[in-house]
C-alpha atoms as a PDB file:
ATOM      1  CA  MET A   1      13.254  20.738  86.421  1.00  0.00           C
ATOM      2  CA  PRO A   2      12.346  21.845  82.942  1.00  0.00           C
ATOM      3  CA  ARG A   3      11.309  25.531  82.599  1.00  0.00           C
ATOM      4  CA  TYR A   4       8.118  26.044  80.370  1.00  0.00           C
ATOM      5  CA  TYR A   5       6.889  29.304  79.015  1.00  0.00           C
ATOM      6  CA  PHE A   6       3.185  30.246  78.764  1.00  0.00           C
ATOM      7  CA  HIS A   7       2.412  32.568  75.959  1.00  0.00           C
ATOM      8  CA  TYR A   8      -1.222  33.859  75.952  1.00  0.00           C
ATOM      9  CA  ARG A   9      -2.765  34.481  72.484  1.00  0.00           C
ATOM     10  CA  THR A  10      -6.005  35.882  71.379  1.00  0.00           C
ATOM     11  CA  GLU A  11      -7.269  36.703  68.044  1.00  0.00           C
ATOM     12  CA  SER A  12      -5.497  40.114  68.021  1.00  0.00           C
ATOM     13  CA  ALA A  13      -2.571  39.707  70.462  1.00  0.00           C
ATOM     14  CA  LEU A  14       0.176  37.605  71.831  1.00  0.00           C
ATOM     15  CA  ILE A  15       1.388  38.057  75.312  1.00  0.00           C
ATOM     16  CA  ARG A  16       4.858  36.438  75.689  1.00  0.00           C
ATOM     17  CA  ASP A  17       5.899  34.797  79.057  1.00  0.00           C
ATOM     18  CA  GLU A  18       9.551  35.989  79.438  1.00  0.00           C
ATOM     19  CA  ALA A  19      10.099  34.283  82.844  1.00  0.00           C
ATOM     20  CA  GLY A  20       8.502  31.049  82.687  1.00  0.00           C
ATOM     21  CA  SER A  21       8.210  28.460  85.391  1.00  0.00           C
ATOM     22  CA  GLU A  22       9.567  25.178  86.344  1.00  0.00           C
ATOM     23  CA  HIS A  23       7.436  22.036  86.240  1.00  0.00           C
ATOM     24  CA  PRO A  24       8.370  18.440  86.591  1.00  0.00           C
ATOM     25  CA  ASN A  25       6.960  17.529  83.045  1.00  0.00           C
ATOM     26  CA  LEU A  26       4.776  18.492  80.266  1.00  0.00           C
ATOM     27  CA  GLU A  27       1.752  17.095  81.895  1.00  0.00           C
ATOM     28  CA  ALA A  28       1.968  19.363  84.816  1.00  0.00           C
ATOM     29  CA  ALA A  29       2.758  22.263  82.606  1.00  0.00           C
ATOM     30  CA  GLU A  30      -0.387  21.496  80.751  1.00  0.00           C
ATOM     31  CA  GLN A  31      -2.461  21.307  83.871  1.00  0.00           C
ATOM     32  CA  SER A  32      -1.110  24.895  84.881  1.00  0.00           C
ATOM     33  CA  ALA A  33      -2.081  26.139  81.537  1.00  0.00           C
ATOM     34  CA  ALA A  34      -5.507  24.736  81.884  1.00  0.00           C
ATOM     35  CA  GLU A  35      -5.873  26.509  85.193  1.00  0.00           C
ATOM     36  CA  MET A  36      -4.530  29.770  83.681  1.00  0.00           C
ATOM     37  CA  GLY A  37      -7.231  29.571  81.057  1.00  0.00           C
ATOM     38  CA  ARG A  38     -10.032  28.841  83.466  1.00  0.00           C
ATOM     39  CA  ALA A  39      -8.814  32.001  85.514  1.00  0.00           C
ATOM     40  CA  ILE A  40      -8.732  34.053  82.440  1.00  0.00           C
ATOM     41  CA  ILE A  41     -12.287  33.162  81.369  1.00  0.00           C
ATOM     42  CA  GLU A  42     -13.766  33.690  84.859  1.00  0.00           C
ATOM     43  CA  LYS A  43     -11.982  37.148  84.953  1.00  0.00           C
ATOM     44  CA  ILE A  44     -13.338  38.040  81.397  1.00  0.00           C
ATOM     45  CA  ALA A  45     -16.814  36.719  82.436  1.00  0.00           C
ATOM     46  CA  GLY A  46     -16.699  38.713  85.681  1.00  0.00           C
ATOM     47  CA  GLU A  47     -15.839  41.960  83.813  1.00  0.00           C
ATOM     48  CA  GLY A  48     -18.598  41.323  81.171  1.00  0.00           C
ATOM     49  CA  GLY A  49     -16.038  40.823  78.426  1.00  0.00           C
ATOM     50  CA  GLU A  50     -16.279  39.093  75.175  1.00  0.00           C
ATOM     51  CA  MET A  51     -16.829  35.359  76.019  1.00  0.00           C
ATOM     52  CA  ASP A  52     -17.027  33.673  72.518  1.00  0.00           C
ATOM     53  CA  GLU A  53     -13.437  34.691  71.262  1.00  0.00           C
ATOM     54  CA  PRO A  54     -11.031  31.587  71.241  1.00  0.00           C
ATOM     55  CA  ARG A  55      -7.883  31.989  73.097  1.00  0.00           C
ATOM     56  CA  SER A  56      -4.907  29.719  73.963  1.00  0.00           C
ATOM     57  CA  ILE A  57      -1.987  29.197  76.157  1.00  0.00           C
ATOM     58  CA  GLU A  58       0.894  28.148  73.975  1.00  0.00           C
ATOM     59  CA  ILE A  59       3.617  26.320  75.901  1.00  0.00           C
ATOM     60  CA  THR A  60       7.070  26.328  74.606  1.00  0.00           C
ATOM     61  CA  ASP A  61      10.451  25.136  76.072  1.00  0.00           C
ATOM     62  CA  ALA A  62      13.540  27.181  76.815  1.00  0.00           C
ATOM     63  CA  THR A  63      14.573  27.140  73.233  1.00  0.00           C
ATOM     64  CA  GLY A  64      11.205  28.369  72.005  1.00  0.00           C
ATOM     65  CA  GLU A  65       9.999  25.205  70.532  1.00  0.00           C
ATOM     66  CA  ASP A  66       6.212  24.872  70.590  1.00  0.00           C
ATOM     67  CA  LEU A  67       5.196  22.109  72.862  1.00  0.00           C
ATOM     68  CA  LEU A  68       1.414  22.379  73.410  1.00  0.00           C
ATOM     69  CA  TYR A  69      -1.371  24.530  72.795  1.00  0.00           C
ATOM     70  CA  VAL A  70      -4.302  24.723  75.328  1.00  0.00           C
ATOM     71  CA  VAL A  71      -7.254  26.338  73.513  1.00  0.00           C
ATOM     72  CA  PHE A  72     -10.105  27.647  75.615  1.00  0.00           C
ATOM     73  CA  TRP A  73     -13.285  29.825  75.416  1.00  0.00           C
ATOM     74  CA  ALA A  74     -16.561  30.018  77.198  1.00  0.00           C
ATOM     75  CA  GLY A  75     -20.097  29.541  75.764  1.00  0.00           C
ATOM     76  CA  PRO A  76     -23.539  28.905  77.080  1.00  0.00           C
ATOM     77  CA  GLU A  77     -24.507  25.691  78.523  1.00  0.00           C
ATOM     78  CA  ILE A  78     -27.376  23.951  76.736  1.00  0.00           C
ATOM     79  CA  GLY A  79     -30.598  25.269  78.418  1.00  0.00           C
ATOM     80  CA  ASP A  80     -28.955  28.094  80.162  1.00  0.00           C
ATOM     81  CA  GLY A  81     -28.754  31.389  78.656  1.00  0.00           C
ATOM     82  CA  SER A  82     -25.477  32.684  80.443  1.00  0.00           C
ATOM     83  CA  GLY A  83     -21.897  32.204  79.417  1.00  0.00           C
ATOM     84  CA  THR A  84     -20.033  29.727  81.579  1.00  0.00           C
ATOM     85  CA  PRO A  85     -16.540  28.611  81.469  1.00  0.00           C
ATOM     86  CA  ILE A  86     -15.917  25.056  79.792  1.00  0.00           C
ATOM     87  CA  ASP A  87     -13.059  22.790  80.382  1.00  0.00           C
ATOM     88  CA  PRO A  88      -9.954  23.686  78.339  1.00  0.00           C
ATOM     89  CA  ALA A  89      -9.104  21.466  75.390  1.00  0.00           C
ATOM     90  CA  THR A  90      -5.764  20.727  74.511  1.00  0.00           C
ATOM     91  CA  ILE A  91      -4.050  20.008  71.073  1.00  0.00           C
ATOM     92  CA  HIS A  92      -0.970  17.794  71.126  1.00  0.00           C
END
């Protein structure tokens, strides 16, 4: 099974995934990255952190080649005044 690496990027930092994890294909890795993004936003929201800063999970292969970026952030829902997680978007 291929090993994918999930690097977390904000405007000011890059946290590299040195261990990676195995997934059957890139689609499964993308789903895992989307779940990570949702968990990150929920944690930041729970701690009262900055919600409108874009973040991404950058998926690479074992050679370091960029395969996919999952970009995510939270913003207010229309008609609601609070910041709530929105579904992650992917850039292929």
